[in-house]
Amino acid sequence: MRCTSIRPIFRYFSALRRRLALTPRRRRQYIYDPDRTFVRRSPLTFARTVSLVVDLARQSLAVELGRFFRWRPEDIVTKSAFCQRRKAITPTFFKDLFVQTSRLFYRHFPRHRR
């Protein structure tokens, strides 16, 4: 019984991860300069940048970056690098992400619908 209650959570988070994948169409739609931004190997990937933006709100940016990269201190990025990456993502992305995550949540957890 317990495994069946956990399964929707895994499906929900897997679906969220797929939403953060940058297909060529999504790159053009959600990134200001898709040919130059998020193309090189960097510890600050698109998914990590989005995770940081969504999760920020409690402490200073430097503290939050340190906390986010605490498991890999060699990958920590500067505040400037994070701000540049954040500016590259269009506001439309975050609006669409909010709508999509709400739909996904109620699709995977229909009992929580009011």
N, C-alpha and C. Protein backbone atom coordinates (compact mmCIF):
# COMPACT_ATOMS: atom_id res chain seq x y z
N MET A 1 0.83 -1.19 0.00
CA MET A 1 0.00 0.00 0.00
C MET A 1 0.87 1.25 0.00
N ARG A 2 1.94 1.24 0.75
CA ARG A 2 2.79 2.42 0.85
C ARG A 2 3.44 2.76 -0.49
N CYS A 3 3.86 1.76 -1.25
CA CYS A 3 4.51 2.01 -2.53
C CYS A 3 3.57 2.68 -3.52
N THR A 4 2.31 2.34 -3.48
CA THR A 4 1.38 2.95 -4.42
C THR A 4 1.15 4.42 -4.11
N SER A 5 1.31 4.82 -2.84
CA SER A 5 1.14 6.22 -2.51
C SER A 5 2.37 7.04 -2.89
N ILE A 6 3.52 6.40 -3.00
CA ILE A 6 4.74 7.11 -3.38
C ILE A 6 4.86 7.21 -4.90
N ARG A 7 4.32 6.28 -5.63
CA ARG A 7 4.44 6.25 -7.08
C ARG A 7 3.99 7.54 -7.76
N PRO A 8 2.85 8.14 -7.38
CA PRO A 8 2.47 9.40 -8.02
C PRO A 8 3.48 10.52 -7.80
N ILE A 9 4.16 10.52 -6.69
CA ILE A 9 5.17 11.54 -6.43
C ILE A 9 6.33 11.39 -7.41
N PHE A 10 6.78 10.16 -7.62
CA PHE A 10 7.86 9.93 -8.58
C PHE A 10 7.44 10.33 -9.99
N ARG A 11 6.21 9.98 -10.36
CA ARG A 11 5.73 10.35 -11.70
C ARG A 11 5.63 11.87 -11.84
N TYR A 12 5.18 12.53 -10.79
CA TYR A 12 5.05 13.99 -10.81
C TYR A 12 6.42 14.65 -11.00
N PHE A 13 7.41 14.24 -10.19
CA PHE A 13 8.74 14.84 -10.31
C PHE A 13 9.43 14.47 -11.61
N SER A 14 9.17 13.28 -12.13
CA SER A 14 9.73 12.91 -13.44
C SER A 14 9.13 13.79 -14.53
N ALA A 15 7.85 14.05 -14.44
CA ALA A 15 7.21 14.93 -15.42
C ALA A 15 7.75 16.35 -15.32
N LEU A 16 8.01 16.81 -14.11
CA LEU A 16 8.61 18.14 -13.93
C LEU A 16 10.00 18.21 -14.56
N ARG A 17 10.79 17.17 -14.35
CA ARG A 17 12.13 17.15 -14.94
C ARG A 17 12.07 17.20 -16.46
N ARG A 18 11.11 16.50 -17.04
CA ARG A 18 10.96 16.53 -18.50
C ARG A 18 10.59 17.93 -18.98
N ARG A 19 9.83 18.67 -18.18
CA ARG A 19 9.45 20.05 -18.55
C ARG A 19 10.66 20.97 -18.57
N LEU A 20 11.69 20.63 -17.82
CA LEU A 20 12.88 21.46 -17.77
C LEU A 20 13.89 21.11 -18.86
N ALA A 21 13.61 20.09 -19.64
CA ALA A 21 14.51 19.74 -20.74
C ALA A 21 14.38 20.79 -21.84
N LEU A 22 15.50 21.23 -22.35
CA LEU A 22 15.50 22.28 -23.37
C LEU A 22 15.52 21.67 -24.76
N THR A 23 14.36 21.54 -25.36
CA THR A 23 14.28 21.14 -26.76
C THR A 23 14.59 22.37 -27.61
N PRO A 24 14.91 22.19 -28.89
CA PRO A 24 15.16 23.37 -29.73
C PRO A 24 13.99 24.36 -29.75
N ARG A 25 12.79 23.87 -29.77
CA ARG A 25 11.61 24.75 -29.76
C ARG A 25 11.52 25.54 -28.45
N ARG A 26 11.72 24.85 -27.35
CA ARG A 26 11.67 25.52 -26.04
C ARG A 26 12.81 26.52 -25.88
N ARG A 27 13.98 26.22 -26.44
CA ARG A 27 15.10 27.16 -26.38
C ARG A 27 14.70 28.48 -27.03
N ARG A 28 14.13 28.40 -28.22
CA ARG A 28 13.72 29.62 -28.94
C ARG A 28 12.60 30.35 -28.21
N GLN A 29 11.74 29.60 -27.57
CA GLN A 29 10.58 30.18 -26.91
C GLN A 29 10.92 30.82 -25.56
N TYR A 30 11.85 30.24 -24.81
CA TYR A 30 12.06 30.66 -23.43
C TYR A 30 13.42 31.30 -23.11
N ILE A 31 14.33 31.34 -24.07
CA ILE A 31 15.64 31.92 -23.82
C ILE A 31 15.85 33.08 -24.79
N TYR A 32 16.33 34.19 -24.26
CA TYR A 32 16.50 35.38 -25.08
C TYR A 32 17.50 35.20 -26.21
N ASP A 33 18.64 34.59 -25.98
CA ASP A 33 19.65 34.36 -27.01
C ASP A 33 19.95 32.87 -27.05
N PRO A 34 19.09 32.08 -27.69
CA PRO A 34 19.20 30.62 -27.59
C PRO A 34 20.45 30.04 -28.24
N ASP A 35 21.07 30.77 -29.15
CA ASP A 35 22.28 30.24 -29.79
C ASP A 35 23.53 30.40 -28.93
N ARG A 36 23.46 31.25 -27.92
CA ARG A 36 24.65 31.52 -27.10
C ARG A 36 24.48 31.18 -25.63
N THR A 37 23.27 31.07 -25.16
CA THR A 37 23.03 30.88 -23.73
C THR A 37 22.69 29.43 -23.43
N PHE A 38 23.24 28.92 -22.35
CA PHE A 38 23.04 27.53 -21.90
C PHE A 38 23.52 26.53 -22.94
N VAL A 39 24.59 26.83 -23.64
CA VAL A 39 25.11 25.89 -24.63
C VAL A 39 26.43 25.24 -24.20
N ARG A 40 27.22 25.95 -23.40
CA ARG A 40 28.49 25.36 -22.97
C ARG A 40 28.31 24.61 -21.66
N ARG A 41 29.27 23.75 -21.38
CA ARG A 41 29.22 22.99 -20.13
C ARG A 41 29.49 23.93 -18.97
N SER A 42 28.60 23.92 -18.02
CA SER A 42 28.72 24.79 -16.87
C SER A 42 28.00 24.14 -15.70
N PRO A 43 28.45 24.40 -14.49
CA PRO A 43 27.72 23.87 -13.34
C PRO A 43 26.34 24.50 -13.21
N LEU A 44 26.13 25.64 -13.86
CA LEU A 44 24.85 26.34 -13.77
C LEU A 44 24.04 26.06 -15.04
N THR A 45 23.47 24.87 -15.08
CA THR A 45 22.65 24.47 -16.22
C THR A 45 21.30 25.18 -16.18
N PHE A 46 20.52 25.01 -17.22
CA PHE A 46 19.20 25.60 -17.27
C PHE A 46 18.34 25.10 -16.11
N ALA A 47 18.32 23.80 -15.89
CA ALA A 47 17.50 23.22 -14.82
C ALA A 47 17.95 23.73 -13.45
N ARG A 48 19.25 23.82 -13.23
CA ARG A 48 19.74 24.32 -11.94
C ARG A 48 19.39 25.80 -11.76
N THR A 49 19.50 26.57 -12.82
CA THR A 49 19.15 27.99 -12.73
C THR A 49 17.69 28.15 -12.37
N VAL A 50 16.83 27.39 -13.03
CA VAL A 50 15.40 27.46 -12.73
C VAL A 50 15.14 27.02 -11.29
N SER A 51 15.79 25.95 -10.86
CA SER A 51 15.61 25.49 -9.47
C SER A 51 16.01 26.56 -8.47
N LEU A 52 17.13 27.22 -8.74
CA LEU A 52 17.58 28.29 -7.85
C LEU A 52 16.59 29.45 -7.83
N VAL A 53 16.10 29.86 -8.98
CA VAL A 53 15.17 30.98 -9.05
C VAL A 53 13.89 30.66 -8.29
N VAL A 54 13.38 29.47 -8.49
CA VAL A 54 12.14 29.07 -7.83
C VAL A 54 12.34 28.93 -6.32
N ASP A 55 13.50 28.51 -5.91
CA ASP A 55 13.76 28.24 -4.49
C ASP A 55 14.28 29.45 -3.71
N LEU A 56 14.72 30.50 -4.39
CA LEU A 56 15.27 31.66 -3.70
C LEU A 56 14.17 32.43 -2.99
N ALA A 57 14.47 32.91 -1.81
CA ALA A 57 13.54 33.79 -1.12
C ALA A 57 13.87 33.92 0.35
N ARG A 58 14.76 33.13 0.83
CA ARG A 58 14.97 33.13 2.27
C ARG A 58 16.16 33.97 2.71
N GLN A 59 17.29 33.84 2.03
CA GLN A 59 18.49 34.52 2.49
C GLN A 59 19.18 35.22 1.32
N SER A 60 20.36 35.73 1.56
CA SER A 60 21.07 36.44 0.51
C SER A 60 21.44 35.48 -0.63
N LEU A 61 21.68 36.06 -1.78
CA LEU A 61 22.00 35.26 -2.95
C LEU A 61 23.27 34.44 -2.73
N ALA A 62 24.29 35.04 -2.13
CA ALA A 62 25.55 34.32 -1.88
C ALA A 62 25.32 33.12 -0.97
N VAL A 63 24.51 33.28 0.05
CA VAL A 63 24.23 32.17 0.98
C VAL A 63 23.45 31.08 0.26
N GLU A 64 22.46 31.47 -0.53
CA GLU A 64 21.66 30.48 -1.26
C GLU A 64 22.50 29.71 -2.28
N LEU A 65 23.40 30.39 -2.99
CA LEU A 65 24.27 29.71 -3.95
C LEU A 65 25.20 28.74 -3.22
N GLY A 66 25.74 29.16 -2.10
CA GLY A 66 26.60 28.28 -1.31
C GLY A 66 25.86 27.05 -0.83
N ARG A 67 24.63 27.24 -0.38
CA ARG A 67 23.81 26.12 0.08
C ARG A 67 23.46 25.18 -1.07
N PHE A 68 23.13 25.74 -2.22
CA PHE A 68 22.74 24.93 -3.38
C PHE A 68 23.89 24.04 -3.85
N PHE A 69 25.12 24.58 -3.84
CA PHE A 69 26.28 23.84 -4.33
C PHE A 69 27.11 23.23 -3.19
N ARG A 70 26.55 23.06 -2.02
CA ARG A 70 27.33 22.59 -0.88
C ARG A 70 27.88 21.18 -1.09
N TRP A 71 27.23 20.36 -1.89
CA TRP A 71 27.70 19.00 -2.11
C TRP A 71 28.84 18.96 -3.12
N ARG A 72 28.96 20.02 -3.92
CA ARG A 72 30.05 20.10 -4.91
C ARG A 72 30.65 21.50 -4.85
N PRO A 73 31.42 21.79 -3.82
CA PRO A 73 31.95 23.15 -3.66
C PRO A 73 32.83 23.59 -4.83
N GLU A 74 33.39 22.65 -5.56
CA GLU A 74 34.22 23.03 -6.71
C GLU A 74 33.37 23.60 -7.86
N ASP A 75 32.07 23.37 -7.82
CA ASP A 75 31.17 23.86 -8.87
C ASP A 75 30.47 25.17 -8.53
N ILE A 76 30.71 25.71 -7.36
CA ILE A 76 29.98 26.92 -6.95
C ILE A 76 30.22 28.04 -7.98
N VAL A 77 29.18 28.79 -8.23
CA VAL A 77 29.25 29.86 -9.23
C VAL A 77 29.14 31.21 -8.53
N THR A 78 29.51 32.25 -9.24
CA THR A 78 29.45 33.59 -8.67
C THR A 78 28.03 34.14 -8.76
N LYS A 79 27.76 35.17 -7.98
CA LYS A 79 26.45 35.82 -8.03
C LYS A 79 26.24 36.41 -9.42
N SER A 80 27.29 36.96 -10.00
CA SER A 80 27.21 37.56 -11.32
C SER A 80 26.82 36.52 -12.38
N ALA A 81 27.44 35.35 -12.31
CA ALA A 81 27.12 34.29 -13.28
C ALA A 81 25.66 33.88 -13.16
N PHE A 82 25.20 33.74 -11.92
CA PHE A 82 23.80 33.37 -11.72
C PHE A 82 22.86 34.44 -12.27
N CYS A 83 23.15 35.70 -11.99
CA CYS A 83 22.29 36.79 -12.47
C CYS A 83 22.25 36.84 -14.00
N GLN A 84 23.39 36.60 -14.64
CA GLN A 84 23.42 36.59 -16.10
C GLN A 84 22.56 35.45 -16.65
N ARG A 85 22.66 34.29 -16.03
CA ARG A 85 21.84 33.16 -16.49
C ARG A 85 20.36 33.41 -16.24
N ARG A 86 20.05 33.99 -15.10
CA ARG A 86 18.65 34.26 -14.76
C ARG A 86 18.04 35.25 -15.76
N LYS A 87 18.81 36.26 -16.14
CA LYS A 87 18.32 37.25 -17.10
C LYS A 87 18.10 36.68 -18.49
N ALA A 88 18.73 35.56 -18.79
CA ALA A 88 18.59 34.95 -20.11
C ALA A 88 17.27 34.22 -20.29
N ILE A 89 16.58 33.93 -19.20
CA ILE A 89 15.32 33.19 -19.25
C ILE A 89 14.17 34.19 -19.30
N THR A 90 13.25 33.99 -20.23
CA THR A 90 12.14 34.92 -20.38
C THR A 90 11.13 34.74 -19.24
N PRO A 91 10.42 35.80 -18.88
CA PRO A 91 9.37 35.69 -17.84
C PRO A 91 8.26 34.72 -18.26
N THR A 92 8.06 34.57 -19.56
CA THR A 92 7.04 33.64 -20.05
C THR A 92 7.31 32.22 -19.58
N PHE A 93 8.58 31.86 -19.47
CA PHE A 93 8.92 30.52 -19.02
C PHE A 93 8.35 30.27 -17.62
N PHE A 94 8.56 31.21 -16.72
CA PHE A 94 8.11 31.01 -15.34
C PHE A 94 6.59 31.00 -15.24
N LYS A 95 5.94 31.79 -16.05
CA LYS A 95 4.47 31.77 -16.08
C LYS A 95 3.99 30.40 -16.57
N ASP A 96 4.57 29.94 -17.68
CA ASP A 96 4.18 28.63 -18.22
C ASP A 96 4.53 27.51 -17.24
N LEU A 97 5.67 27.62 -16.56
CA LEU A 97 6.06 26.60 -15.58
C LEU A 97 5.03 26.52 -14.46
N PHE A 98 4.57 27.67 -13.98
CA PHE A 98 3.56 27.69 -12.92
C PHE A 98 2.28 26.99 -13.39
N VAL A 99 1.82 27.31 -14.57
CA VAL A 99 0.59 26.70 -15.10
C VAL A 99 0.77 25.20 -15.27
N GLN A 100 1.90 24.80 -15.85
CA GLN A 100 2.15 23.38 -16.10
C GLN A 100 2.30 22.59 -14.81
N THR A 101 2.99 23.15 -13.81
CA THR A 101 3.16 22.41 -12.56
C THR A 101 1.82 22.27 -11.83
N SER A 102 0.98 23.27 -11.93
CA SER A 102 -0.35 23.17 -11.32
C SER A 102 -1.16 22.07 -11.98
N ARG A 103 -1.15 22.04 -13.30
CA ARG A 103 -1.89 20.99 -14.02
C ARG A 103 -1.33 19.61 -13.70
N LEU A 104 0.00 19.50 -13.71
CA LEU A 104 0.62 18.21 -13.40
C LEU A 104 0.26 17.74 -12.00
N PHE A 105 0.29 18.67 -11.05
CA PHE A 105 -0.02 18.29 -9.67
C PHE A 105 -1.42 17.69 -9.59
N TYR A 106 -2.40 18.36 -10.15
CA TYR A 106 -3.78 17.86 -10.03
C TYR A 106 -4.01 16.63 -10.90
N ARG A 107 -3.21 16.43 -11.92
CA ARG A 107 -3.33 15.21 -12.71
C ARG A 107 -2.79 14.03 -11.92
N HIS A 108 -1.71 14.22 -11.19
CA HIS A 108 -1.10 13.13 -10.43
C HIS A 108 -1.70 12.95 -9.04
N PHE A 109 -2.34 13.99 -8.52
CA PHE A 109 -2.95 13.93 -7.19
C PHE A 109 -4.40 14.43 -7.26
N PRO A 110 -5.28 13.71 -7.94
CA PRO A 110 -6.65 14.20 -8.15
C PRO A 110 -7.44 14.36 -6.87
N ARG A 111 -7.08 13.68 -5.80
CA ARG A 111 -7.83 13.82 -4.54
C ARG A 111 -7.65 15.18 -3.90
N HIS A 112 -6.62 15.92 -4.30
CA HIS A 112 -6.36 17.22 -3.70
C HIS A 112 -7.09 18.36 -4.42
N ARG A 113 -7.83 18.01 -5.45
CA ARG A 113 -8.57 19.03 -6.19
C ARG A 113 -9.73 19.53 -5.34
N ARG A 114 -9.92 20.84 -5.34
CA ARG A 114 -11.00 21.42 -4.53
C ARG A 114 -12.18 21.77 -5.39
